[in-house]
N, C-alpha and C. Protein backbone atom coordinates (compact mmCIF):
# COMPACT_ATOMS: atom_id res chain seq x y z
N MET A 1 0.82 -1.20 0.00
CA MET A 1 0.00 0.00 0.00
C MET A 1 0.85 1.25 0.00
N ALA A 2 2.02 1.19 0.63
CA ALA A 2 2.88 2.36 0.69
C ALA A 2 3.26 2.84 -0.70
N GLU A 3 3.50 1.89 -1.62
CA GLU A 3 3.88 2.27 -2.98
C GLU A 3 2.74 3.03 -3.67
N VAL A 4 1.50 2.61 -3.43
CA VAL A 4 0.37 3.31 -4.02
C VAL A 4 0.22 4.68 -3.39
N GLU A 5 0.38 4.77 -2.08
CA GLU A 5 0.27 6.05 -1.41
C GLU A 5 1.33 7.03 -1.91
N GLU A 6 2.53 6.53 -2.21
CA GLU A 6 3.59 7.39 -2.70
C GLU A 6 3.26 8.00 -4.06
N THR A 7 2.34 7.42 -4.79
CA THR A 7 1.96 7.95 -6.09
C THR A 7 1.09 9.19 -5.95
N GLY A 8 0.56 9.44 -4.76
CA GLY A 8 -0.34 10.57 -4.56
C GLY A 8 -1.78 10.23 -4.84
N LEU A 9 -2.09 8.94 -5.01
CA LEU A 9 -3.46 8.51 -5.28
C LEU A 9 -4.15 8.31 -3.94
N HIS A 10 -5.11 9.18 -3.65
CA HIS A 10 -5.72 9.17 -2.33
C HIS A 10 -7.16 8.66 -2.30
N THR A 11 -7.81 8.64 -3.45
CA THR A 11 -9.21 8.20 -3.47
C THR A 11 -9.34 6.84 -4.13
N ASP A 12 -10.44 6.17 -3.85
CA ASP A 12 -10.69 4.88 -4.48
C ASP A 12 -10.75 5.01 -5.99
N ALA A 13 -11.34 6.09 -6.48
CA ALA A 13 -11.44 6.29 -7.93
C ALA A 13 -10.06 6.44 -8.56
N GLN A 14 -9.18 7.16 -7.91
CA GLN A 14 -7.82 7.32 -8.42
C GLN A 14 -7.07 5.99 -8.42
N ARG A 15 -7.19 5.24 -7.34
CA ARG A 15 -6.52 3.94 -7.25
C ARG A 15 -7.08 2.98 -8.29
N SER A 16 -8.38 3.01 -8.50
CA SER A 16 -9.02 2.14 -9.48
C SER A 16 -8.50 2.45 -10.89
N ALA A 17 -8.41 3.72 -11.22
CA ALA A 17 -7.90 4.10 -12.54
C ALA A 17 -6.45 3.65 -12.70
N TYR A 18 -5.67 3.77 -11.66
CA TYR A 18 -4.27 3.34 -11.68
C TYR A 18 -4.17 1.83 -11.92
N VAL A 19 -4.97 1.07 -11.20
CA VAL A 19 -4.95 -0.39 -11.34
C VAL A 19 -5.38 -0.79 -12.75
N ARG A 20 -6.39 -0.14 -13.28
CA ARG A 20 -6.83 -0.46 -14.64
C ARG A 20 -5.73 -0.16 -15.66
N THR A 21 -4.97 0.89 -15.43
CA THR A 21 -3.84 1.20 -16.30
C THR A 21 -2.79 0.10 -16.21
N LEU A 22 -2.53 -0.37 -14.99
CA LEU A 22 -1.58 -1.47 -14.81
C LEU A 22 -2.07 -2.74 -15.52
N TYR A 23 -3.37 -3.01 -15.40
CA TYR A 23 -3.96 -4.17 -16.09
C TYR A 23 -3.67 -4.09 -17.59
N THR A 24 -4.02 -2.94 -18.16
CA THR A 24 -3.87 -2.76 -19.60
C THR A 24 -2.42 -2.90 -20.02
N THR A 25 -1.53 -2.30 -19.26
CA THR A 25 -0.10 -2.38 -19.57
C THR A 25 0.39 -3.82 -19.49
N SER A 26 0.01 -4.52 -18.44
CA SER A 26 0.43 -5.92 -18.27
C SER A 26 -0.09 -6.80 -19.39
N TYR A 27 -1.34 -6.63 -19.72
CA TYR A 27 -1.95 -7.47 -20.75
C TYR A 27 -1.30 -7.18 -22.11
N THR A 28 -1.07 -5.91 -22.38
CA THR A 28 -0.48 -5.52 -23.66
C THR A 28 0.96 -6.01 -23.77
N ALA A 29 1.70 -5.94 -22.66
CA ALA A 29 3.11 -6.34 -22.67
C ALA A 29 3.29 -7.85 -22.71
N ALA A 30 2.28 -8.58 -22.31
CA ALA A 30 2.39 -10.05 -22.31
C ALA A 30 2.51 -10.55 -23.74
N GLY A 31 3.43 -11.45 -23.93
CA GLY A 31 3.62 -12.01 -25.27
C GLY A 31 2.59 -13.07 -25.57
N PRO A 32 2.59 -13.54 -26.79
CA PRO A 32 1.67 -14.61 -27.17
C PRO A 32 1.82 -15.81 -26.22
N GLY A 33 0.70 -16.35 -25.80
CA GLY A 33 0.73 -17.49 -24.90
C GLY A 33 0.89 -17.12 -23.43
N GLN A 34 1.05 -15.82 -23.15
CA GLN A 34 1.24 -15.38 -21.76
C GLN A 34 0.07 -14.54 -21.26
N ARG A 35 -0.89 -14.29 -22.09
CA ARG A 35 -1.98 -13.40 -21.69
C ARG A 35 -2.82 -14.01 -20.57
N ASP A 36 -2.98 -15.33 -20.58
CA ASP A 36 -3.72 -15.98 -19.49
C ASP A 36 -3.03 -15.71 -18.16
N GLN A 37 -1.72 -15.75 -18.15
CA GLN A 37 -0.96 -15.47 -16.94
C GLN A 37 -1.15 -14.01 -16.51
N ALA A 38 -1.15 -13.09 -17.46
CA ALA A 38 -1.37 -11.68 -17.15
C ALA A 38 -2.75 -11.48 -16.54
N LEU A 39 -3.76 -12.16 -17.09
CA LEU A 39 -5.11 -12.05 -16.55
C LEU A 39 -5.20 -12.66 -15.16
N ALA A 40 -4.44 -13.70 -14.90
CA ALA A 40 -4.48 -14.39 -13.61
C ALA A 40 -3.99 -13.52 -12.46
N VAL A 41 -3.09 -12.58 -12.73
CA VAL A 41 -2.57 -11.76 -11.64
C VAL A 41 -3.42 -10.53 -11.36
N MET A 42 -4.39 -10.26 -12.19
CA MET A 42 -5.20 -9.07 -12.00
C MET A 42 -5.95 -9.02 -10.67
N PRO A 43 -6.53 -10.13 -10.19
CA PRO A 43 -7.18 -10.05 -8.88
C PRO A 43 -6.21 -9.65 -7.76
N ALA A 44 -4.97 -10.09 -7.85
CA ALA A 44 -3.98 -9.71 -6.84
C ALA A 44 -3.69 -8.22 -6.91
N CYS A 45 -3.69 -7.66 -8.11
CA CYS A 45 -3.50 -6.21 -8.25
C CYS A 45 -4.63 -5.44 -7.59
N THR A 46 -5.84 -5.92 -7.80
CA THR A 46 -7.00 -5.27 -7.21
C THR A 46 -6.93 -5.32 -5.68
N ARG A 47 -6.58 -6.48 -5.15
CA ARG A 47 -6.46 -6.61 -3.69
C ARG A 47 -5.38 -5.67 -3.16
N SER A 48 -4.27 -5.57 -3.86
CA SER A 48 -3.19 -4.70 -3.42
C SER A 48 -3.62 -3.24 -3.41
N ALA A 49 -4.34 -2.85 -4.43
CA ALA A 49 -4.78 -1.45 -4.53
C ALA A 49 -5.80 -1.10 -3.46
N SER A 50 -6.58 -2.07 -3.02
CA SER A 50 -7.61 -1.77 -2.02
C SER A 50 -7.19 -2.13 -0.60
N ALA A 51 -5.99 -2.61 -0.43
CA ALA A 51 -5.49 -2.97 0.92
C ALA A 51 -5.40 -1.73 1.79
N GLY A 52 -5.72 -1.91 3.03
CA GLY A 52 -5.59 -0.83 3.99
C GLY A 52 -6.80 0.08 4.10
N HIS A 53 -7.91 -0.24 3.43
CA HIS A 53 -9.11 0.60 3.56
C HIS A 53 -10.05 -0.08 4.52
């Protein structure tokens, strides 16, 4: 959570937009055959972004 706080994202809406950007970046960067793996880590990203509330 400290890393997210350091970004200056203080509201749920800001954190949500940040996580969605990370999702998109991860999915786009994943090579062929790796997109399932990129999708699999998305729930962990969501949990990390909402930790501490």
